[in-house]
Amino acid sequence: MRILDALQRNGRLSNVDLAEQVGLSPSPCLRRVRDLEEDGYIQGYAAILDRRKLGFGVVAFVEVKIDQNAEGDLRFRRAVEAIPEVVSCFVMTGTMDYLLQVVVPDLDAYAEVSMGKLLQIPGVKDVRSSFVLDVVKHSTCLPLPKGR
């Protein structure tokens, strides 16, 4: 858990620095990291980018309702995977079937994604959008148990 916690906070730690932080020597630490990667606990490493500096000023959460059949569901999933502006897609309980997180430069770009892409997917019955005004908390770190 200490290795996972340290790496999720800083994936660029050298093995020597990681070993020091978690109280191991470098060789066993590296073996444990490789085991965690092979077992799927660590899925990958990524840089976290500043969306505003890159010109992505609009974040929308989009609730989508689709016709309930397996073919429509699979078609929707494949279509969403092909839309780069959709950065997250979740299957939901409740009144809507999916919750999407969409990141675009401006409202015109959002209109194109919404009307030109999402509403064009066969089987989409309803789309409702909410726009992010401010971010209070956004973390990629999981709340791992302490003390192990």
N, C-alpha and C. Protein backbone atom coordinates (compact mmCIF):
# COMPACT_ATOMS: atom_id res chain seq x y z
N MET A 1 0.82 -1.20 0.00
CA MET A 1 0.00 0.00 0.00
C MET A 1 0.86 1.26 0.00
N ARG A 2 1.97 1.19 0.71
CA ARG A 2 2.85 2.37 0.73
C ARG A 2 3.45 2.64 -0.64
N ILE A 3 3.80 1.59 -1.36
CA ILE A 3 4.32 1.77 -2.72
C ILE A 3 3.25 2.38 -3.61
N LEU A 4 2.05 1.83 -3.56
CA LEU A 4 0.96 2.35 -4.39
C LEU A 4 0.65 3.80 -4.04
N ASP A 5 0.62 4.11 -2.75
CA ASP A 5 0.32 5.47 -2.33
C ASP A 5 1.38 6.44 -2.84
N ALA A 6 2.64 6.07 -2.70
CA ALA A 6 3.71 6.96 -3.16
C ALA A 6 3.67 7.15 -4.67
N LEU A 7 3.45 6.07 -5.42
CA LEU A 7 3.45 6.17 -6.88
C LEU A 7 2.23 6.92 -7.41
N GLN A 8 1.07 6.80 -6.74
CA GLN A 8 -0.08 7.53 -7.25
C GLN A 8 0.06 9.03 -7.00
N ARG A 9 0.87 9.39 -6.03
CA ARG A 9 1.12 10.81 -5.76
C ARG A 9 2.23 11.37 -6.66
N ASN A 10 3.17 10.50 -7.04
CA ASN A 10 4.26 10.94 -7.91
C ASN A 10 4.77 9.74 -8.70
N GLY A 11 4.25 9.54 -9.88
CA GLY A 11 4.62 8.41 -10.72
C GLY A 11 6.02 8.51 -11.31
N ARG A 12 6.67 9.65 -11.10
CA ARG A 12 8.02 9.85 -11.63
C ARG A 12 9.11 9.58 -10.60
N LEU A 13 8.73 9.07 -9.45
CA LEU A 13 9.75 8.75 -8.43
C LEU A 13 10.74 7.73 -9.00
N SER A 14 12.01 7.97 -8.74
CA SER A 14 13.00 6.95 -9.10
C SER A 14 12.82 5.77 -8.15
N ASN A 15 13.30 4.62 -8.55
CA ASN A 15 13.19 3.45 -7.69
C ASN A 15 13.93 3.67 -6.37
N VAL A 16 15.06 4.35 -6.42
CA VAL A 16 15.83 4.62 -5.20
C VAL A 16 15.02 5.51 -4.25
N ASP A 17 14.41 6.58 -4.78
CA ASP A 17 13.61 7.46 -3.94
C ASP A 17 12.37 6.75 -3.40
N LEU A 18 11.74 5.94 -4.25
CA LEU A 18 10.57 5.18 -3.82
C LEU A 18 10.95 4.21 -2.70
N ALA A 19 12.03 3.50 -2.89
CA ALA A 19 12.49 2.53 -1.87
C ALA A 19 12.74 3.23 -0.55
N GLU A 20 13.36 4.40 -0.60
CA GLU A 20 13.63 5.15 0.62
C GLU A 20 12.33 5.58 1.30
N GLN A 21 11.36 6.03 0.51
CA GLN A 21 10.09 6.48 1.09
C GLN A 21 9.32 5.35 1.77
N VAL A 22 9.40 4.14 1.21
CA VAL A 22 8.60 3.04 1.75
C VAL A 22 9.39 2.12 2.67
N GLY A 23 10.68 2.42 2.88
CA GLY A 23 11.47 1.65 3.83
C GLY A 23 11.96 0.31 3.33
N LEU A 24 12.28 0.24 2.04
CA LEU A 24 12.84 -0.99 1.46
C LEU A 24 14.16 -0.66 0.80
N SER A 25 14.92 -1.70 0.51
CA SER A 25 16.10 -1.48 -0.33
C SER A 25 15.63 -1.48 -1.79
N PRO A 26 16.41 -0.89 -2.70
CA PRO A 26 15.95 -0.72 -4.08
C PRO A 26 15.58 -2.00 -4.83
N SER A 27 16.34 -3.06 -4.65
CA SER A 27 16.06 -4.28 -5.41
C SER A 27 14.70 -4.90 -5.06
N PRO A 28 14.38 -5.13 -3.78
CA PRO A 28 13.05 -5.66 -3.46
C PRO A 28 11.93 -4.68 -3.82
N CYS A 29 12.21 -3.39 -3.73
CA CYS A 29 11.20 -2.40 -4.08
C CYS A 29 10.85 -2.51 -5.57
N LEU A 30 11.88 -2.62 -6.40
CA LEU A 30 11.65 -2.75 -7.84
C LEU A 30 10.88 -4.03 -8.16
N ARG A 31 11.20 -5.14 -7.49
CA ARG A 31 10.46 -6.39 -7.69
C ARG A 31 9.00 -6.21 -7.34
N ARG A 32 8.73 -5.55 -6.22
CA ARG A 32 7.34 -5.35 -5.79
C ARG A 32 6.58 -4.45 -6.77
N VAL A 33 7.23 -3.41 -7.27
CA VAL A 33 6.58 -2.53 -8.26
C VAL A 33 6.25 -3.34 -9.51
N ARG A 34 7.18 -4.14 -9.97
CA ARG A 34 6.92 -4.97 -11.17
C ARG A 34 5.78 -5.96 -10.92
N ASP A 35 5.73 -6.55 -9.73
CA ASP A 35 4.63 -7.46 -9.39
C ASP A 35 3.29 -6.70 -9.40
N LEU A 36 3.29 -5.50 -8.84
CA LEU A 36 2.06 -4.69 -8.82
C LEU A 36 1.60 -4.34 -10.23
N GLU A 37 2.57 -4.08 -11.12
CA GLU A 37 2.24 -3.79 -12.52
C GLU A 37 1.68 -5.04 -13.21
N GLU A 38 2.35 -6.17 -13.03
CA GLU A 38 1.93 -7.41 -13.68
C GLU A 38 0.58 -7.88 -13.17
N ASP A 39 0.31 -7.66 -11.88
CA ASP A 39 -0.97 -8.09 -11.30
C ASP A 39 -2.10 -7.10 -11.59
N GLY A 40 -1.79 -5.99 -12.25
CA GLY A 40 -2.83 -5.04 -12.66
C GLY A 40 -3.19 -3.99 -11.63
N TYR A 41 -2.49 -3.95 -10.50
CA TYR A 41 -2.77 -2.90 -9.52
C TYR A 41 -2.34 -1.54 -10.05
N ILE A 42 -1.25 -1.53 -10.80
CA ILE A 42 -0.80 -0.31 -11.46
C ILE A 42 -1.11 -0.50 -12.94
N GLN A 43 -2.02 0.32 -13.44
CA GLN A 43 -2.45 0.18 -14.83
C GLN A 43 -1.60 0.98 -15.80
N GLY A 44 -0.90 1.99 -15.32
CA GLY A 44 -0.07 2.80 -16.19
C GLY A 44 0.39 4.04 -15.46
N TYR A 45 1.14 4.87 -16.17
CA TYR A 45 1.64 6.12 -15.63
C TYR A 45 1.29 7.22 -16.63
N ALA A 46 0.94 8.40 -16.12
CA ALA A 46 0.54 9.48 -17.01
C ALA A 46 0.89 10.83 -16.41
N ALA A 47 1.04 11.81 -17.28
CA ALA A 47 1.21 13.19 -16.85
C ALA A 47 -0.18 13.81 -16.72
N ILE A 48 -0.39 14.64 -15.72
CA ILE A 48 -1.66 15.34 -15.55
C ILE A 48 -1.49 16.73 -16.16
N LEU A 49 -2.28 17.02 -17.18
CA LEU A 49 -2.13 18.25 -17.94
C LEU A 49 -3.07 19.33 -17.44
N ASP A 50 -2.67 20.58 -17.60
CA ASP A 50 -3.51 21.72 -17.25
C ASP A 50 -4.40 22.04 -18.44
N ARG A 51 -5.68 21.69 -18.36
CA ARG A 51 -6.59 21.83 -19.49
C ARG A 51 -6.74 23.28 -19.92
N ARG A 52 -6.76 24.20 -18.97
CA ARG A 52 -6.93 25.62 -19.32
C ARG A 52 -5.74 26.15 -20.11
N LYS A 53 -4.54 25.78 -19.70
CA LYS A 53 -3.35 26.23 -20.43
C LYS A 53 -3.32 25.66 -21.85
N LEU A 54 -3.99 24.54 -22.04
CA LEU A 54 -4.05 23.91 -23.36
C LEU A 54 -5.28 24.35 -24.16
N GLY A 55 -6.06 25.29 -23.60
CA GLY A 55 -7.18 25.85 -24.34
C GLY A 55 -8.50 25.14 -24.18
N PHE A 56 -8.62 24.26 -23.20
CA PHE A 56 -9.88 23.56 -22.96
C PHE A 56 -10.61 24.25 -21.80
N GLY A 57 -11.40 25.27 -22.12
CA GLY A 57 -12.04 26.09 -21.10
C GLY A 57 -13.37 25.57 -20.60
N VAL A 58 -13.95 24.58 -21.28
CA VAL A 58 -15.29 24.10 -20.91
C VAL A 58 -15.23 22.61 -20.54
N VAL A 59 -15.78 22.31 -19.36
CA VAL A 59 -15.98 20.92 -18.94
C VAL A 59 -17.46 20.74 -18.70
N ALA A 60 -18.03 19.72 -19.31
CA ALA A 60 -19.45 19.44 -19.14
C ALA A 60 -19.62 18.00 -18.67
N PHE A 61 -20.60 17.80 -17.79
CA PHE A 61 -21.03 16.46 -17.44
C PHE A 61 -22.35 16.24 -18.15
N VAL A 62 -22.42 15.18 -18.91
CA VAL A 62 -23.55 14.95 -19.81
C VAL A 62 -24.22 13.63 -19.44
N GLU A 63 -25.51 13.73 -19.09
CA GLU A 63 -26.31 12.53 -18.81
C GLU A 63 -26.96 12.09 -20.11
N VAL A 64 -26.86 10.80 -20.41
CA VAL A 64 -27.39 10.27 -21.66
C VAL A 64 -28.32 9.11 -21.37
N LYS A 65 -29.49 9.14 -21.98
CA LYS A 65 -30.46 8.05 -21.91
C LYS A 65 -30.51 7.41 -23.29
N ILE A 66 -30.43 6.08 -23.35
CA ILE A 66 -30.49 5.39 -24.63
C ILE A 66 -31.63 4.39 -24.63
N ASP A 67 -32.03 3.96 -25.84
CA ASP A 67 -32.99 2.87 -25.96
C ASP A 67 -32.37 1.63 -25.34
N GLN A 68 -33.14 0.92 -24.54
CA GLN A 68 -32.60 -0.23 -23.81
C GLN A 68 -32.63 -1.50 -24.65
N ASN A 69 -31.55 -1.74 -25.37
CA ASN A 69 -31.32 -3.03 -26.00
C ASN A 69 -29.82 -3.22 -26.14
N ALA A 70 -29.41 -4.47 -26.20
CA ALA A 70 -27.98 -4.77 -26.20
C ALA A 70 -27.26 -4.16 -27.40
N GLU A 71 -27.90 -4.17 -28.56
CA GLU A 71 -27.29 -3.63 -29.77
C GLU A 71 -27.09 -2.12 -29.64
N GLY A 72 -28.10 -1.42 -29.14
CA GLY A 72 -27.99 0.03 -28.96
C GLY A 72 -26.94 0.39 -27.94
N ASP A 73 -26.85 -0.41 -26.88
CA ASP A 73 -25.86 -0.17 -25.84
C ASP A 73 -24.45 -0.33 -26.40
N LEU A 74 -24.21 -1.39 -27.14
CA LEU A 74 -22.89 -1.63 -27.73
C LEU A 74 -22.56 -0.55 -28.75
N ARG A 75 -23.51 -0.15 -29.55
CA ARG A 75 -23.29 0.89 -30.55
C ARG A 75 -22.94 2.22 -29.87
N PHE A 76 -23.65 2.54 -28.77
CA PHE A 76 -23.36 3.76 -28.04
C PHE A 76 -21.95 3.73 -27.46
N ARG A 77 -21.59 2.63 -26.83
CA ARG A 77 -20.26 2.51 -26.23
C ARG A 77 -19.16 2.69 -27.26
N ARG A 78 -19.31 2.06 -28.41
CA ARG A 78 -18.30 2.18 -29.46
C ARG A 78 -18.22 3.61 -29.99
N ALA A 79 -19.38 4.24 -30.16
CA ALA A 79 -19.39 5.62 -30.66
C ALA A 79 -18.71 6.57 -29.67
N VAL A 80 -18.98 6.41 -28.39
CA VAL A 80 -18.40 7.28 -27.37
C VAL A 80 -16.89 7.09 -27.30
N GLU A 81 -16.43 5.86 -27.44
CA GLU A 81 -14.98 5.61 -27.42
C GLU A 81 -14.27 6.34 -28.55
N ALA A 82 -14.97 6.63 -29.64
CA ALA A 82 -14.37 7.29 -30.80
C ALA A 82 -14.45 8.82 -30.73
N ILE A 83 -15.04 9.38 -29.67
CA ILE A 83 -15.16 10.83 -29.53
C ILE A 83 -14.09 11.29 -28.54
N PRO A 84 -13.01 11.93 -29.03
CA PRO A 84 -11.90 12.28 -28.15
C PRO A 84 -12.28 13.30 -27.07
N GLU A 85 -13.29 14.12 -27.31
CA GLU A 85 -13.70 15.11 -26.32
C GLU A 85 -14.35 14.48 -25.09
N VAL A 86 -14.81 13.24 -25.22
CA VAL A 86 -15.36 12.50 -24.08
C VAL A 86 -14.19 11.87 -23.37
N VAL A 87 -13.84 12.41 -22.19
CA VAL A 87 -12.67 11.91 -21.47
C VAL A 87 -13.02 10.85 -20.43
N SER A 88 -14.31 10.75 -20.06
CA SER A 88 -14.78 9.71 -19.14
C SER A 88 -16.20 9.33 -19.52
N CYS A 89 -16.52 8.06 -19.34
CA CYS A 89 -17.88 7.58 -19.60
C CYS A 89 -18.19 6.52 -18.55
N PHE A 90 -19.30 6.73 -17.84
CA PHE A 90 -19.69 5.83 -16.76
C PHE A 90 -21.09 5.30 -17.00
N VAL A 91 -21.30 4.01 -16.75
CA VAL A 91 -22.64 3.42 -16.75
C VAL A 91 -23.26 3.74 -15.39
N MET A 92 -24.51 4.23 -15.40
CA MET A 92 -25.11 4.75 -14.18
C MET A 92 -26.39 4.01 -13.81
N THR A 93 -26.74 4.10 -12.53
CA THR A 93 -28.07 3.72 -12.08
C THR A 93 -28.91 5.00 -12.08
N GLY A 94 -30.21 4.85 -11.96
CA GLY A 94 -31.05 6.05 -11.89
C GLY A 94 -31.76 6.32 -13.20
N THR A 95 -32.09 7.58 -13.42
CA THR A 95 -32.90 7.93 -14.58
C THR A 95 -32.12 7.96 -15.89
N MET A 96 -30.81 8.17 -15.84
CA MET A 96 -29.99 8.19 -17.05
C MET A 96 -29.12 6.94 -17.10
N ASP A 97 -28.73 6.55 -18.30
CA ASP A 97 -27.95 5.33 -18.47
C ASP A 97 -26.44 5.57 -18.38
N TYR A 98 -26.00 6.74 -18.85
CA TYR A 98 -24.57 7.04 -18.89
C TYR A 98 -24.31 8.45 -18.38
N LEU A 99 -23.13 8.64 -17.81
CA LEU A 99 -22.65 9.97 -17.45
C LEU A 99 -21.31 10.15 -18.15
N LEU A 100 -21.22 11.20 -18.97
CA LEU A 100 -20.01 11.49 -19.71
C LEU A 100 -19.35 12.75 -19.16
N GLN A 101 -18.06 12.79 -19.20
CA GLN A 101 -17.32 14.02 -18.93
C GLN A 101 -16.73 14.45 -20.26
N VAL A 102 -17.08 15.66 -20.68
CA VAL A 102 -16.67 16.19 -21.97
C VAL A 102 -15.80 17.43 -21.74
N VAL A 103 -14.67 17.50 -22.43
CA VAL A 103 -13.76 18.64 -22.32
C VAL A 103 -13.56 19.23 -23.71
N VAL A 104 -13.86 20.53 -23.84
CA VAL A 104 -13.77 21.22 -25.12
C VAL A 104 -13.25 22.65 -24.93
N PRO A 105 -12.81 23.30 -26.00
CA PRO A 105 -12.31 24.67 -25.87
C PRO A 105 -13.38 25.69 -25.48
N ASP A 106 -14.59 25.57 -26.04
CA ASP A 106 -15.61 26.60 -25.83
C ASP A 106 -17.00 26.03 -26.07
N LEU A 107 -18.01 26.86 -25.90
CA LEU A 107 -19.40 26.39 -26.05
C LEU A 107 -19.73 26.01 -27.48
N ASP A 108 -19.14 26.68 -28.46
CA ASP A 108 -19.37 26.28 -29.86
C ASP A 108 -18.87 24.85 -30.09
N ALA A 109 -17.71 24.54 -29.55
CA ALA A 109 -17.17 23.19 -29.68
C ALA A 109 -18.05 22.19 -28.94
N TYR A 110 -18.60 22.60 -27.79
CA TYR A 110 -19.50 21.70 -27.07
C TYR A 110 -20.76 21.44 -27.89
N ALA A 111 -21.29 22.48 -28.52
CA ALA A 111 -22.49 22.31 -29.35
C ALA A 111 -22.23 21.30 -30.47
N GLU A 112 -21.04 21.35 -31.05
CA GLU A 112 -20.69 20.41 -32.11
C GLU A 112 -20.63 18.97 -31.57
N VAL A 113 -20.05 18.80 -30.40
CA VAL A 113 -19.99 17.46 -29.80
C VAL A 113 -21.39 16.98 -29.46
N SER A 114 -22.17 17.83 -28.83
CA SER A 114 -23.51 17.44 -28.40
C SER A 114 -24.44 17.16 -29.58
N MET A 115 -24.59 18.16 -30.43
CA MET A 115 -25.56 18.02 -31.53
C MET A 115 -24.98 17.26 -32.72
N GLY A 116 -23.69 17.43 -32.97
CA GLY A 116 -23.10 16.81 -34.14
C GLY A 116 -22.59 15.40 -33.94
N LYS A 117 -22.39 15.00 -32.68
CA LYS A 117 -21.87 13.66 -32.42
C LYS A 117 -22.80 12.85 -31.51
N LEU A 118 -23.02 13.33 -30.29
CA LEU A 118 -23.80 12.54 -29.32
C LEU A 118 -25.23 12.29 -29.78
N LEU A 119 -25.90 13.35 -30.21
CA LEU A 119 -27.30 13.19 -30.62
C LEU A 119 -27.45 12.44 -31.94
N GLN A 120 -26.36 12.24 -32.65
CA GLN A 120 -26.39 11.50 -33.91
C GLN A 120 -26.20 10.00 -33.72
N ILE A 121 -25.86 9.59 -32.51
CA ILE A 121 -25.66 8.16 -32.25
C ILE A 121 -27.03 7.49 -32.22
N PRO A 122 -27.24 6.47 -33.04
CA PRO A 122 -28.54 5.77 -33.04
C PRO A 122 -28.86 5.22 -31.65
N GLY A 123 -30.09 5.42 -31.23
CA GLY A 123 -30.55 4.91 -29.93
C GLY A 123 -30.49 5.92 -28.81
N VAL A 124 -29.86 7.08 -29.01
CA VAL A 124 -29.81 8.10 -27.97
C VAL A 124 -31.19 8.76 -27.89
N LYS A 125 -31.80 8.71 -26.70
CA LYS A 125 -33.14 9.27 -26.49
C LYS A 125 -33.10 10.64 -25.86
N ASP A 126 -32.15 10.88 -24.96
CA ASP A 126 -32.13 12.14 -24.22
C ASP A 126 -30.71 12.46 -23.81
N VAL A 127 -30.36 13.74 -23.88
CA VAL A 127 -29.05 14.22 -23.47
C VAL A 127 -29.27 15.46 -22.61
N ARG A 128 -28.69 15.47 -21.42
CA ARG A 128 -28.79 16.63 -20.52
C ARG A 128 -27.40 17.01 -20.06
N SER A 129 -27.10 18.31 -20.16
CA SER A 129 -25.75 18.79 -19.88
C SER A 129 -25.72 19.70 -18.67
N SER A 130 -24.65 19.57 -17.90
CA SER A 130 -24.34 20.49 -16.80
C SER A 130 -22.90 20.92 -16.99
N PHE A 131 -22.66 22.23 -16.83
CA PHE A 131 -21.34 22.78 -17.07
C PHE A 131 -20.63 23.10 -15.76
N VAL A 132 -19.34 22.79 -15.70
CA VAL A 132 -18.52 23.05 -14.53
C VAL A 132 -18.21 24.55 -14.48
N LEU A 133 -18.53 25.18 -13.35
CA LEU A 133 -18.20 26.59 -13.15
C LEU A 133 -16.87 26.76 -12.43
N ASP A 134 -16.58 25.84 -11.50
CA ASP A 134 -15.34 25.90 -10.75
C ASP A 134 -15.04 24.50 -10.23
N VAL A 135 -13.78 24.20 -10.02
CA VAL A 135 -13.37 22.90 -9.50
C VAL A 135 -12.95 23.09 -8.05
N VAL A 136 -13.65 22.42 -7.15
CA VAL A 136 -13.33 22.48 -5.73
C VAL A 136 -12.27 21.43 -5.39
N LYS A 137 -12.45 20.23 -5.93
CA LYS A 137 -11.49 19.16 -5.71
C LYS A 137 -11.49 18.24 -6.92
N HIS A 138 -10.31 17.89 -7.36
CA HIS A 138 -10.14 16.92 -8.44
C HIS A 138 -8.86 16.16 -8.14
N SER A 139 -8.97 14.89 -7.90
CA SER A 139 -7.80 14.10 -7.53
C SER A 139 -7.77 12.81 -8.33
N THR A 140 -6.59 12.35 -8.61
CA THR A 140 -6.44 11.04 -9.24
C THR A 140 -6.03 9.99 -8.21
N CYS A 141 -5.87 10.40 -6.95
CA CYS A 141 -5.41 9.49 -5.89
C CYS A 141 -6.58 8.77 -5.24
N LEU A 142 -6.45 7.45 -5.09
CA LEU A 142 -7.45 6.66 -4.38
C LEU A 142 -7.17 6.75 -2.88
N PRO A 143 -8.21 6.66 -2.06
CA PRO A 143 -8.03 6.73 -0.59
C PRO A 143 -7.58 5.38 -0.03
N LEU A 144 -6.32 5.05 -0.23
CA LEU A 144 -5.79 3.77 0.21
C LEU A 144 -5.72 3.67 1.72
N PRO A 145 -5.91 2.46 2.27
CA PRO A 145 -5.79 2.31 3.71
C PRO A 145 -4.37 2.59 4.18
N LYS A 146 -4.26 3.18 5.35
CA LYS A 146 -2.96 3.54 5.93
C LYS A 146 -2.50 2.44 6.88
N GLY A 147 -1.22 2.45 7.17
CA GLY A 147 -0.71 1.59 8.22
C GLY A 147 -0.34 0.20 7.80
N ARG A 148 -0.27 -0.08 6.52
CA ARG A 148 0.15 -1.42 6.09
C ARG A 148 1.52 -1.40 5.52
